[in-house]
């Protein structure tokens, strides 16, 4: 399911569209799977734990590469052995399908 989302490309948002709400968010979250949370129907959030600083920093770098390729940039919070990622479409201050696509791509680069 999540891999199906990960195969898509993020679409640039030009604004002027309403953010997703309610059942649309629930459906996309179910397709995404994993530990992603929809917070206040506003953004996606996930926390990743690592054994040390370098593993967390390396993961952050891989996420940054994906974000740059997709031209869709999450907020990334890095601390020792921990990374928190928040994703939303800033132009509409809410969620679009592209946010879920990016989340699925992030999960694909998470090393077990």
PDB file of N, CA and C in Angstrom:
ATOM      1  N   UNK A   1       0.811  -1.196   0.000  1.00  0.00           N
ATOM      2  CA  UNK A   1       0.000   0.000   0.000  1.00  0.00           C
ATOM      3  C   UNK A   1       0.856   1.263   0.000  1.00  0.00           C
ATOM      4  N   UNK A   2       1.719   1.378   1.008  1.00  0.00           N
ATOM      5  CA  UNK A   2       2.563   2.567   1.065  1.00  0.00           C
ATOM      6  C   UNK A   2       3.473   2.628  -0.150  1.00  0.00           C
ATOM      7  N   UNK A   3       3.918   1.458  -0.626  1.00  0.00           N
ATOM      8  CA  UNK A   3       4.802   1.471  -1.790  1.00  0.00           C
ATOM      9  C   UNK A   3       4.081   2.020  -3.015  1.00  0.00           C
ATOM     10  N   UNK A   4       2.747   1.809  -3.087  1.00  0.00           N
ATOM     11  CA  UNK A   4       1.958   2.389  -4.185  1.00  0.00           C
ATOM     12  C   UNK A   4       2.016   3.916  -4.118  1.00  0.00           C
ATOM     13  N   UNK A   5       1.905   4.467  -2.929  1.00  0.00           N
ATOM     14  CA  UNK A   5       2.032   5.922  -2.777  1.00  0.00           C
ATOM     15  C   UNK A   5       3.456   6.371  -3.100  1.00  0.00           C
ATOM     16  N   UNK A   6       4.437   5.586  -2.692  1.00  0.00           N
ATOM     17  CA  UNK A   6       5.831   5.958  -2.906  1.00  0.00           C
ATOM     18  C   UNK A   6       6.200   5.973  -4.384  1.00  0.00           C
ATOM     19  N   UNK A   7       5.455   5.273  -5.204  1.00  0.00           N
ATOM     20  CA  UNK A   7       5.742   5.247  -6.641  1.00  0.00           C
ATOM     21  C   UNK A   7       5.263   6.516  -7.345  1.00  0.00           C
ATOM     22  N   UNK A   8       4.408   7.273  -6.696  1.00  0.00           N
ATOM     23  CA  UNK A   8       3.902   8.516  -7.278  1.00  0.00           C
ATOM     24  C   UNK A   8       4.922   9.626  -7.107  1.00  0.00           C
ATOM     25  N   UNK A   9       4.685  10.728  -7.775  1.00  0.00           N
ATOM     26  CA  UNK A   9       5.522  11.918  -7.650  1.00  0.00           C
ATOM     27  C   UNK A   9       4.711  13.014  -6.949  1.00  0.00           C
ATOM     28  N   UNK A  10       5.382  13.812  -6.152  1.00  0.00           N
ATOM     29  CA  UNK A  10       4.726  14.951  -5.517  1.00  0.00           C
ATOM     30  C   UNK A  10       4.357  15.961  -6.603  1.00  0.00           C
ATOM     31  N   UNK A  11       3.161  16.493  -6.500  1.00  0.00           N
ATOM     32  CA  UNK A  11       2.669  17.485  -7.455  1.00  0.00           C
ATOM     33  C   UNK A  11       2.729  18.867  -6.815  1.00  0.00           C
ATOM     34  N   UNK A  12       3.302  19.833  -7.503  1.00  0.00           N
ATOM     35  CA  UNK A  12       3.361  21.170  -6.918  1.00  0.00           C
ATOM     36  C   UNK A  12       1.963  21.752  -6.705  1.00  0.00           C
ATOM     37  N   UNK A  13       1.801  22.392  -5.585  1.00  0.00           N
ATOM     38  CA  UNK A  13       0.522  23.020  -5.261  1.00  0.00           C
ATOM     39  C   UNK A  13       0.620  24.505  -5.585  1.00  0.00           C
ATOM     40  N   UNK A  14      -0.298  24.980  -6.376  1.00  0.00           N
ATOM     41  CA  UNK A  14      -0.305  26.398  -6.739  1.00  0.00           C
ATOM     42  C   UNK A  14      -1.197  27.215  -5.802  1.00  0.00           C
ATOM     43  N   UNK A  15      -1.798  26.548  -4.824  1.00  0.00           N
ATOM     44  CA  UNK A  15      -2.689  27.234  -3.907  1.00  0.00           C
ATOM     45  C   UNK A  15      -4.097  27.282  -4.460  1.00  0.00           C
ATOM     46  N   UNK A  16      -4.987  27.852  -3.698  1.00  0.00           N
ATOM     47  CA  UNK A  16      -6.355  28.007  -4.147  1.00  0.00           C
ATOM     48  C   UNK A  16      -7.206  26.755  -4.050  1.00  0.00           C
ATOM     49  N   UNK A  17      -6.658  25.694  -3.488  1.00  0.00           N
ATOM     50  CA  UNK A  17      -7.450  24.480  -3.285  1.00  0.00           C
ATOM     51  C   UNK A  17      -7.590  24.248  -1.782  1.00  0.00           C
ATOM     52  N   UNK A  18      -8.683  23.639  -1.364  1.00  0.00           N
ATOM     53  CA  UNK A  18      -8.828  23.387   0.071  1.00  0.00           C
ATOM     54  C   UNK A  18      -7.975  22.193   0.494  1.00  0.00           C
ATOM     55  N   UNK A  19      -7.451  22.215   1.711  1.00  0.00           N
ATOM     56  CA  UNK A  19      -6.726  21.055   2.210  1.00  0.00           C
ATOM     57  C   UNK A  19      -7.686  19.877   2.407  1.00  0.00           C
ATOM     58  N   UNK A  20      -7.134  18.676   2.366  1.00  0.00           N
ATOM     59  CA  UNK A  20      -7.936  17.479   2.589  1.00  0.00           C
ATOM     60  C   UNK A  20      -8.424  17.450   4.029  1.00  0.00           C
ATOM     61  N   UNK A  21      -9.606  16.883   4.221  1.00  0.00           N
ATOM     62  CA  UNK A  21     -10.202  16.780   5.561  1.00  0.00           C
ATOM     63  C   UNK A  21     -10.900  15.434   5.712  1.00  0.00           C
ATOM     64  N   UNK A  22     -11.226  15.083   6.940  1.00  0.00           N
ATOM     65  CA  UNK A  22     -12.099  13.959   7.251  1.00  0.00           C
ATOM     66  C   UNK A  22     -11.719  12.635   6.615  1.00  0.00           C
ATOM     67  N   UNK A  23     -12.692  12.042   5.921  1.00  0.00           N
ATOM     68  CA  UNK A  23     -12.530  10.701   5.381  1.00  0.00           C
ATOM     69  C   UNK A  23     -11.409  10.617   4.354  1.00  0.00           C
ATOM     70  N   UNK A  24     -11.190  11.676   3.581  1.00  0.00           N
ATOM     71  CA  UNK A  24     -10.084  11.672   2.611  1.00  0.00           C
ATOM     72  C   UNK A  24      -8.744  11.471   3.328  1.00  0.00           C
ATOM     73  N   UNK A  25      -8.571  12.129   4.466  1.00  0.00           N
ATOM     74  CA  UNK A  25      -7.347  11.957   5.246  1.00  0.00           C
ATOM     75  C   UNK A  25      -7.253  10.552   5.817  1.00  0.00           C
ATOM     76  N   UNK A  26      -8.366  10.048   6.321  1.00  0.00           N
ATOM     77  CA  UNK A  26      -8.375   8.692   6.883  1.00  0.00           C
ATOM     78  C   UNK A  26      -8.002   7.659   5.830  1.00  0.00           C
ATOM     79  N   UNK A  27      -8.531   7.821   4.630  1.00  0.00           N
ATOM     80  CA  UNK A  27      -8.247   6.876   3.548  1.00  0.00           C
ATOM     81  C   UNK A  27      -6.763   6.917   3.164  1.00  0.00           C
ATOM     82  N   UNK A  28      -6.215   8.105   3.034  1.00  0.00           N
ATOM     83  CA  UNK A  28      -4.800   8.221   2.683  1.00  0.00           C
ATOM     84  C   UNK A  28      -3.900   7.711   3.807  1.00  0.00           C
ATOM     85  N   UNK A  29      -4.271   7.965   5.049  1.00  0.00           N
ATOM     86  CA  UNK A  29      -3.472   7.470   6.172  1.00  0.00           C
ATOM     87  C   UNK A  29      -3.493   5.944   6.194  1.00  0.00           C
ATOM     88  N   UNK A  30      -4.616   5.346   5.893  1.00  0.00           N
ATOM     89  CA  UNK A  30      -4.703   3.882   5.845  1.00  0.00           C
ATOM     90  C   UNK A  30      -3.814   3.334   4.727  1.00  0.00           C
ATOM     91  N   UNK A  31      -3.776   4.008   3.593  1.00  0.00           N
ATOM     92  CA  UNK A  31      -2.915   3.587   2.484  1.00  0.00           C
ATOM     93  C   UNK A  31      -1.441   3.766   2.825  1.00  0.00           C
ATOM     94  N   UNK A  32      -1.129   4.786   3.617  1.00  0.00           N
ATOM     95  CA  UNK A  32       0.248   5.066   3.999  1.00  0.00           C
ATOM     96  C   UNK A  32       0.760   4.019   4.984  1.00  0.00           C
ATOM     97  N   UNK A  33      -0.046   3.702   5.985  1.00  0.00           N
ATOM     98  CA  UNK A  33       0.391   2.739   6.989  1.00  0.00           C
ATOM     99  C   UNK A  33       1.517   3.300   7.841  1.00  0.00           C
ATOM    100  N   UNK A  34       2.257   2.410   8.462  1.00  0.00           N
ATOM    101  CA  UNK A  34       3.384   2.828   9.292  1.00  0.00           C
ATOM    102  C   UNK A  34       2.939   3.586  10.522  1.00  0.00           C
ATOM    103  N   UNK A  35       3.846   4.395  11.023  1.00  0.00           N
ATOM    104  CA  UNK A  35       3.605   5.126  12.270  1.00  0.00           C
ATOM    105  C   UNK A  35       3.253   6.590  12.054  1.00  0.00           C
ATOM    106  N   UNK A  36       2.954   6.965  10.829  1.00  0.00           N
ATOM    107  CA  UNK A  36       2.591   8.353  10.558  1.00  0.00           C
ATOM    108  C   UNK A  36       1.276   8.710  11.223  1.00  0.00           C
ATOM    109  N   UNK A  37       1.239   9.882  11.816  1.00  0.00           N
ATOM    110  CA  UNK A  37       0.018  10.402  12.456  1.00  0.00           C
ATOM    111  C   UNK A  37      -0.437  11.646  11.702  1.00  0.00           C
ATOM    112  N   UNK A  38      -1.750  11.757  11.513  1.00  0.00           N
ATOM    113  CA  UNK A  38      -2.335  12.998  11.014  1.00  0.00           C
ATOM    114  C   UNK A  38      -2.648  13.835  12.254  1.00  0.00           C
ATOM    115  N   UNK A  39      -2.039  15.000  12.354  1.00  0.00           N
ATOM    116  CA  UNK A  39      -2.182  15.848  13.535  1.00  0.00           C
ATOM    117  C   UNK A  39      -3.106  17.013  13.206  1.00  0.00           C
ATOM    118  N   UNK A  40      -4.245  17.055  13.907  1.00  0.00           N
ATOM    119  CA  UNK A  40      -5.218  18.141  13.771  1.00  0.00           C
ATOM    120  C   UNK A  40      -5.641  18.413  12.328  1.00  0.00           C
ATOM    121  N   UNK A  41      -5.688  17.364  11.513  1.00  0.00           N
ATOM    122  CA  UNK A  41      -6.023  17.496  10.090  1.00  0.00           C
ATOM    123  C   UNK A  41      -5.160  18.548   9.400  1.00  0.00           C
ATOM    124  N   UNK A  42      -3.974  18.801   9.953  1.00  0.00           N
ATOM    125  CA  UNK A  42      -3.093  19.863   9.437  1.00  0.00           C
ATOM    126  C   UNK A  42      -1.791  19.325   8.856  1.00  0.00           C
ATOM    127  N   UNK A  43      -1.152  18.370   9.554  1.00  0.00           N
ATOM    128  CA  UNK A  43       0.132  17.873   9.085  1.00  0.00           C
ATOM    129  C   UNK A  43       0.329  16.410   9.467  1.00  0.00           C
ATOM    130  N   UNK A  44       1.289  15.795   8.791  1.00  0.00           N
ATOM    131  CA  UNK A  44       1.721  14.439   9.107  1.00  0.00           C
ATOM    132  C   UNK A  44       2.947  14.525   9.999  1.00  0.00           C
ATOM    133  N   UNK A  45       3.072  13.574  10.904  1.00  0.00           N
ATOM    134  CA  UNK A  45       4.206  13.569  11.818  1.00  0.00           C
ATOM    135  C   UNK A  45       4.641  12.134  12.065  1.00  0.00           C
ATOM    136  N   UNK A  46       5.951  11.931  12.111  1.00  0.00           N
ATOM    137  CA  UNK A  46       6.499  10.628  12.445  1.00  0.00           C
ATOM    138  C   UNK A  46       7.805  10.829  13.199  1.00  0.00           C
ATOM    139  N   UNK A  47       8.097   9.882  14.093  1.00  0.00           N
ATOM    140  CA  UNK A  47       9.314   9.889  14.897  1.00  0.00           C
ATOM    141  C   UNK A  47      10.110   8.630  14.569  1.00  0.00           C
ATOM    142  N   UNK A  48      11.400   8.796  14.380  1.00  0.00           N
ATOM    143  CA  UNK A  48      12.287   7.680  14.069  1.00  0.00           C
ATOM    144  C   UNK A  48      13.394   7.643  15.117  1.00  0.00           C
ATOM    145  N   UNK A  49      13.701   6.440  15.601  1.00  0.00           N
ATOM    146  CA  UNK A  49      14.769   6.256  16.582  1.00  0.00           C
ATOM    147  C   UNK A  49      15.951   5.546  15.934  1.00  0.00           C
ATOM    148  N   UNK A  50      17.156   5.969  16.324  1.00  0.00           N
ATOM    149  CA  UNK A  50      18.398   5.407  15.810  1.00  0.00           C
ATOM    150  C   UNK A  50      19.333   5.147  16.974  1.00  0.00           C
ATOM    151  N   UNK A  51      20.378   4.371  16.714  1.00  0.00           N
ATOM    152  CA  UNK A  51      21.327   4.027  17.773  1.00  0.00           C
ATOM    153  C   UNK A  51      22.269   5.166  18.138  1.00  0.00           C
ATOM    154  N   UNK A  52      22.502   6.077  17.184  1.00  0.00           N
ATOM    155  CA  UNK A  52      23.460   7.143  17.480  1.00  0.00           C
ATOM    156  C   UNK A  52      23.206   8.356  16.582  1.00  0.00           C
ATOM    157  N   UNK A  53      24.041   9.359  16.768  1.00  0.00           N
ATOM    158  CA  UNK A  53      23.928  10.618  16.037  1.00  0.00           C
ATOM    159  C   UNK A  53      24.088  10.420  14.536  1.00  0.00           C
ATOM    160  N   UNK A  54      25.117   9.676  14.115  1.00  0.00           N
ATOM    161  CA  UNK A  54      25.412   9.545  12.693  1.00  0.00           C
ATOM    162  C   UNK A  54      24.297   8.821  11.938  1.00  0.00           C
ATOM    163  N   UNK A  55      23.705   7.814  12.526  1.00  0.00           N
ATOM    164  CA  UNK A  55      22.592   7.134  11.860  1.00  0.00           C
ATOM    165  C   UNK A  55      21.425   8.097  11.658  1.00  0.00           C
ATOM    166  N   UNK A  56      21.127   8.884  12.673  1.00  0.00           N
ATOM    167  CA  UNK A  56      20.044   9.862  12.565  1.00  0.00           C
ATOM    168  C   UNK A  56      20.390  10.931  11.525  1.00  0.00           C
ATOM    169  N   UNK A  57      21.637  11.398  11.524  1.00  0.00           N
ATOM    170  CA  UNK A  57      22.063  12.419  10.569  1.00  0.00           C
ATOM    171  C   UNK A  57      22.047  11.868   9.141  1.00  0.00           C
ATOM    172  N   UNK A  58      22.484  10.625   8.965  1.00  0.00           N
ATOM    173  CA  UNK A  58      22.461  10.004   7.633  1.00  0.00           C
ATOM    174  C   UNK A  58      21.035   9.895   7.107  1.00  0.00           C
ATOM    175  N   UNK A  59      20.121   9.487   7.975  1.00  0.00           N
ATOM    176  CA  UNK A  59      18.710   9.400   7.583  1.00  0.00           C
ATOM    177  C   UNK A  59      18.191  10.778   7.190  1.00  0.00           C
ATOM    178  N   UNK A  60      18.531  11.780   7.973  1.00  0.00           N
ATOM    179  CA  UNK A  60      18.120  13.145   7.673  1.00  0.00           C
ATOM    180  C   UNK A  60      18.621  13.568   6.293  1.00  0.00           C
ATOM    181  N   UNK A  61      19.841  13.203   5.975  1.00  0.00           N
ATOM    182  CA  UNK A  61      20.409  13.535   4.671  1.00  0.00           C
ATOM    183  C   UNK A  61      19.633  12.829   3.551  1.00  0.00           C
ATOM    184  N   UNK A  62      19.289  11.553   3.736  1.00  0.00           N
ATOM    185  CA  UNK A  62      18.519  10.824   2.710  1.00  0.00           C
ATOM    186  C   UNK A  62      17.141  11.463   2.517  1.00  0.00           C
ATOM    187  N   UNK A  63      16.516  11.879   3.602  1.00  0.00           N
ATOM    188  CA  UNK A  63      15.216  12.554   3.505  1.00  0.00           C
ATOM    189  C   UNK A  63      15.378  13.879   2.759  1.00  0.00           C
ATOM    190  N   UNK A  64      16.439  14.600   3.050  1.00  0.00           N
ATOM    191  CA  UNK A  64      16.683  15.881   2.364  1.00  0.00           C
ATOM    192  C   UNK A  64      16.856  15.672   0.867  1.00  0.00           C
ATOM    193  N   UNK A  65      17.528  14.595   0.471  1.00  0.00           N
ATOM    194  CA  UNK A  65      17.709  14.308  -0.957  1.00  0.00           C
ATOM    195  C   UNK A  65      16.363  14.045  -1.628  1.00  0.00           C
ATOM    196  N   UNK A  66      15.524  13.247  -0.992  1.00  0.00           N
ATOM    197  CA  UNK A  66      14.189  12.959  -1.549  1.00  0.00           C
ATOM    198  C   UNK A  66      13.383  14.247  -1.647  1.00  0.00           C
ATOM    199  N   UNK A  67      13.408  15.039  -0.590  1.00  0.00           N
ATOM    200  CA  UNK A  67      12.646  16.286  -0.568  1.00  0.00           C
ATOM    201  C   UNK A  67      13.079  17.201  -1.707  1.00  0.00           C
ATOM    202  N   UNK A  68      14.379  17.264  -1.952  1.00  0.00           N
ATOM    203  CA  UNK A  68      14.870  18.112  -3.020  1.00  0.00           C
ATOM    204  C   UNK A  68      14.443  17.571  -4.383  1.00  0.00           C
ATOM    205  N   UNK A  69      14.526  16.249  -4.573  1.00  0.00           N
ATOM    206  CA  UNK A  69      14.085  15.635  -5.831  1.00  0.00           C
ATOM    207  C   UNK A  69      12.606  15.890  -6.092  1.00  0.00           C
ATOM    208  N   UNK A  70      11.804  15.843  -5.042  1.00  0.00           N
ATOM    209  CA  UNK A  70      10.358  15.999  -5.163  1.00  0.00           C
ATOM    210  C   UNK A  70       9.915  17.464  -5.087  1.00  0.00           C
ATOM    211  N   UNK A  71      10.849  18.356  -4.750  1.00  0.00           N
ATOM    212  CA  UNK A  71      10.537  19.769  -4.545  1.00  0.00           C
ATOM    213  C   UNK A  71       9.387  19.939  -3.542  1.00  0.00           C
ATOM    214  N   UNK A  72       9.490  19.148  -2.475  1.00  0.00           N
ATOM    215  CA  UNK A  72       8.486  19.169  -1.405  1.00  0.00           C
ATOM    216  C   UNK A  72       9.259  18.958  -0.108  1.00  0.00           C
ATOM    217  N   UNK A  73       9.306  19.982   0.724  1.00  0.00           N
ATOM    218  CA  UNK A  73      10.275  20.019   1.811  1.00  0.00           C
ATOM    219  C   UNK A  73       9.615  19.949   3.187  1.00  0.00           C
ATOM    220  N   UNK A  74       9.887  18.867   3.924  1.00  0.00           N
ATOM    221  CA  UNK A  74       9.320  18.718   5.265  1.00  0.00           C
ATOM    222  C   UNK A  74      10.121  19.505   6.295  1.00  0.00           C
ATOM    223  N   UNK A  75       9.556  19.636   7.470  1.00  0.00           N
ATOM    224  CA  UNK A  75      10.311  20.129   8.617  1.00  0.00           C
ATOM    225  C   UNK A  75      10.981  18.909   9.238  1.00  0.00           C
ATOM    226  N   UNK A  76      12.276  18.988   9.451  1.00  0.00           N
ATOM    227  CA  UNK A  76      13.040  17.877  10.007  1.00  0.00           C
ATOM    228  C   UNK A  76      13.693  18.342  11.298  1.00  0.00           C
ATOM    229  N   UNK A  77      13.464  17.583  12.366  1.00  0.00           N
ATOM    230  CA  UNK A  77      14.032  17.885  13.677  1.00  0.00           C
ATOM    231  C   UNK A  77      14.998  16.755  14.023  1.00  0.00           C
ATOM    232  N   UNK A  78      16.268  17.093  14.181  1.00  0.00           N
ATOM    233  CA  UNK A  78      17.316  16.111  14.431  1.00  0.00           C
ATOM    234  C   UNK A  78      17.883  16.301  15.821  1.00  0.00           C
ATOM    235  N   UNK A  79      17.964  15.213  16.569  1.00  0.00           N
ATOM    236  CA  UNK A  79      18.666  15.214  17.851  1.00  0.00           C
ATOM    237  C   UNK A  79      19.382  13.877  17.973  1.00  0.00           C
ATOM    238  N   UNK A  80      20.109  13.680  19.026  1.00  0.00           N
ATOM    239  CA  UNK A  80      20.908  12.464  19.165  1.00  0.00           C
ATOM    240  C   UNK A  80      20.012  11.227  19.088  1.00  0.00           C
ATOM    241  N   UNK A  81      20.190  10.447  18.016  1.00  0.00           N
ATOM    242  CA  UNK A  81      19.459   9.193  17.866  1.00  0.00           C
ATOM    243  C   UNK A  81      17.981   9.344  17.555  1.00  0.00           C
ATOM    244  N   UNK A  82      17.536  10.544  17.238  1.00  0.00           N
ATOM    245  CA  UNK A  82      16.112  10.768  16.986  1.00  0.00           C
ATOM    246  C   UNK A  82      15.922  11.739  15.826  1.00  0.00           C
ATOM    247  N   UNK A  83      14.894  11.448  15.016  1.00  0.00           N
ATOM    248  CA  UNK A  83      14.489  12.362  13.951  1.00  0.00           C
ATOM    249  C   UNK A  83      12.975  12.447  13.984  1.00  0.00           C
ATOM    250  N   UNK A  84      12.471  13.669  13.970  1.00  0.00           N
ATOM    251  CA  UNK A  84      11.027  13.891  13.844  1.00  0.00           C
ATOM    252  C   UNK A  84      10.809  14.609  12.524  1.00  0.00           C
ATOM    253  N   UNK A  85       9.835  14.101  11.757  1.00  0.00           N
ATOM    254  CA  UNK A  85       9.518  14.715  10.470  1.00  0.00           C
ATOM    255  C   UNK A  85       8.073  15.166  10.480  1.00  0.00           C
ATOM    256  N   UNK A  86       7.853  16.400  10.029  1.00  0.00           N
ATOM    257  CA  UNK A  86       6.517  16.966   9.871  1.00  0.00           C
ATOM    258  C   UNK A  86       6.351  17.381   8.421  1.00  0.00           C
ATOM    259  N   UNK A  87       5.229  16.979   7.836  1.00  0.00           N
ATOM    260  CA  UNK A  87       4.978  17.261   6.426  1.00  0.00           C
ATOM    261  C   UNK A  87       3.598  17.890   6.278  1.00  0.00           C
ATOM    262  N   UNK A  88       3.534  18.982   5.521  1.00  0.00           N
ATOM    263  CA  UNK A  88       2.273  19.551   5.080  1.00  0.00           C
ATOM    264  C   UNK A  88       2.559  20.463   3.905  1.00  0.00           C
ATOM    265  N   UNK A  89       1.522  20.853   3.218  1.00  0.00           N
ATOM    266  CA  UNK A  89       1.665  21.741   2.075  1.00  0.00           C
ATOM    267  C   UNK A  89       1.498  23.169   2.581  1.00  0.00           C
ATOM    268  N   UNK A  90       2.614  23.871   2.644  1.00  0.00           N
ATOM    269  CA  UNK A  90       2.619  25.209   3.240  1.00  0.00           C
ATOM    270  C   UNK A  90       1.728  26.187   2.480  1.00  0.00           C
ATOM    271  N   UNK A  91       1.667  26.034   1.165  1.00  0.00           N
ATOM    272  CA  UNK A  91       0.910  26.980   0.345  1.00  0.00           C
ATOM    273  C   UNK A  91      -0.571  27.024   0.722  1.00  0.00           C
ATOM    274  N   UNK A  92      -1.118  25.897   1.204  1.00  0.00           N
ATOM    275  CA  UNK A  92      -2.529  25.865   1.611  1.00  0.00           C
ATOM    276  C   UNK A  92      -2.674  25.632   3.112  1.00  0.00           C
ATOM    277  N   UNK A  93      -1.542  25.553   3.817  1.00  0.00           N
ATOM    278  CA  UNK A  93      -1.520  25.339   5.265  1.00  0.00           C
ATOM    279  C   UNK A  93      -2.362  24.123   5.666  1.00  0.00           C
ATOM    280  N   UNK A  94      -2.135  23.026   4.953  1.00  0.00           N
ATOM    281  CA  UNK A  94      -2.854  21.795   5.237  1.00  0.00           C
ATOM    282  C   UNK A  94      -2.291  20.657   4.395  1.00  0.00           C
ATOM    283  N   UNK A  95      -3.044  19.579   4.329  1.00  0.00           N
ATOM    284  CA  UNK A  95      -2.573  18.358   3.688  1.00  0.00           C
ATOM    285  C   UNK A  95      -3.146  18.143   2.292  1.00  0.00           C
ATOM    286  N   UNK A  96      -2.286  17.624   1.407  1.00  0.00           N
ATOM    287  CA  UNK A  96      -2.676  17.177   0.072  1.00  0.00           C
ATOM    288  C   UNK A  96      -2.160  15.752  -0.100  1.00  0.00           C
ATOM    289  N   UNK A  97      -2.543  15.106  -1.194  1.00  0.00           N
ATOM    290  CA  UNK A  97      -2.038  13.749  -1.443  1.00  0.00           C
ATOM    291  C   UNK A  97      -0.517  13.739  -1.527  1.00  0.00           C
ATOM    292  N   UNK A  98       0.088  14.789  -2.050  1.00  0.00           N
ATOM    293  CA  UNK A  98       1.547  14.834  -2.165  1.00  0.00           C
ATOM    294  C   UNK A  98       2.247  14.698  -0.817  1.00  0.00           C
ATOM    295  N   UNK A  99       1.625  15.145   0.247  1.00  0.00           N
ATOM    296  CA  UNK A  99       2.216  14.995   1.573  1.00  0.00           C
ATOM    297  C   UNK A  99       2.327  13.515   1.946  1.00  0.00           C
ATOM    298  N   UNK A 100       1.325  12.740   1.592  1.00  0.00           N
ATOM    299  CA  UNK A 100       1.332  11.307   1.863  1.00  0.00           C
ATOM    300  C   UNK A 100       2.325  10.590   0.951  1.00  0.00           C
ATOM    301  N   UNK A 101       2.454  11.072  -0.269  1.00  0.00           N
ATOM    302  CA  UNK A 101       3.442  10.517  -1.201  1.00  0.00           C
ATOM    303  C   UNK A 101       4.845  10.715  -0.622  1.00  0.00           C
ATOM    304  N   UNK A 102       5.144  11.922  -0.164  1.00  0.00           N
ATOM    305  CA  UNK A 102       6.456  12.189   0.420  1.00  0.00           C
ATOM    306  C   UNK A 102       6.682  11.320   1.656  1.00  0.00           C
ATOM    307  N   UNK A 103       5.679  11.179   2.503  1.00  0.00           N
ATOM    308  CA  UNK A 103       5.813  10.344   3.699  1.00  0.00           C
ATOM    309  C   UNK A 103       6.152   8.901   3.325  1.00  0.00           C
ATOM    310  N   UNK A 104       5.504   8.373   2.296  1.00  0.00           N
ATOM    311  CA  UNK A 104       5.783   7.007   1.854  1.00  0.00           C
ATOM    312  C   UNK A 104       7.212   6.891   1.332  1.00  0.00           C
ATOM    313  N   UNK A 105       7.681   7.902   0.620  1.00  0.00           N
ATOM    314  CA  UNK A 105       9.059   7.895   0.122  1.00  0.00           C
ATOM    315  C   UNK A 105      10.052   7.952   1.280  1.00  0.00           C
ATOM    316  N   UNK A 106       9.744   8.712   2.316  1.00  0.00           N
ATOM    317  CA  UNK A 106      10.602   8.793   3.503  1.00  0.00           C
ATOM    318  C   UNK A 106      10.708   7.407   4.145  1.00  0.00           C
ATOM    319  N   UNK A 107       9.596   6.725   4.277  1.00  0.00           N
ATOM    320  CA  UNK A 107       9.619   5.391   4.879  1.00  0.00           C
ATOM    321  C   UNK A 107      10.474   4.417   4.077  1.00  0.00           C
ATOM    322  N   UNK A 108      10.519   4.587   2.775  1.00  0.00           N
ATOM    323  CA  UNK A 108      11.319   3.690   1.942  1.00  0.00           C
ATOM    324  C   UNK A 108      12.818   3.830   2.179  1.00  0.00           C
ATOM    325  N   UNK A 109      13.278   5.003   2.601  1.00  0.00           N
ATOM    326  CA  UNK A 109      14.715   5.184   2.824  1.00  0.00           C
ATOM    327  C   UNK A 109      15.137   4.937   4.271  1.00  0.00           C
ATOM    328  N   UNK A 110      14.172   4.605   5.100  1.00  0.00           N
ATOM    329  CA  UNK A 110      14.482   4.277   6.497  1.00  0.00           C
ATOM    330  C   UNK A 110      15.125   2.905   6.529  1.00  0.00           C
ATOM    331  N   UNK A 111      16.379   2.850   6.951  1.00  0.00           N
ATOM    332  CA  UNK A 111      17.064   1.558   7.043  1.00  0.00           C
ATOM    333  C   UNK A 111      16.567   0.815   8.276  1.00  0.00           C
ATOM    334  N   UNK A 112      16.325  -0.483   8.142  1.00  0.00           N
ATOM    335  CA  UNK A 112      15.859  -1.276   9.301  1.00  0.00           C
ATOM    336  C   UNK A 112      16.889  -1.355  10.398  1.00  0.00           C
TER     337      UNK A 112
END
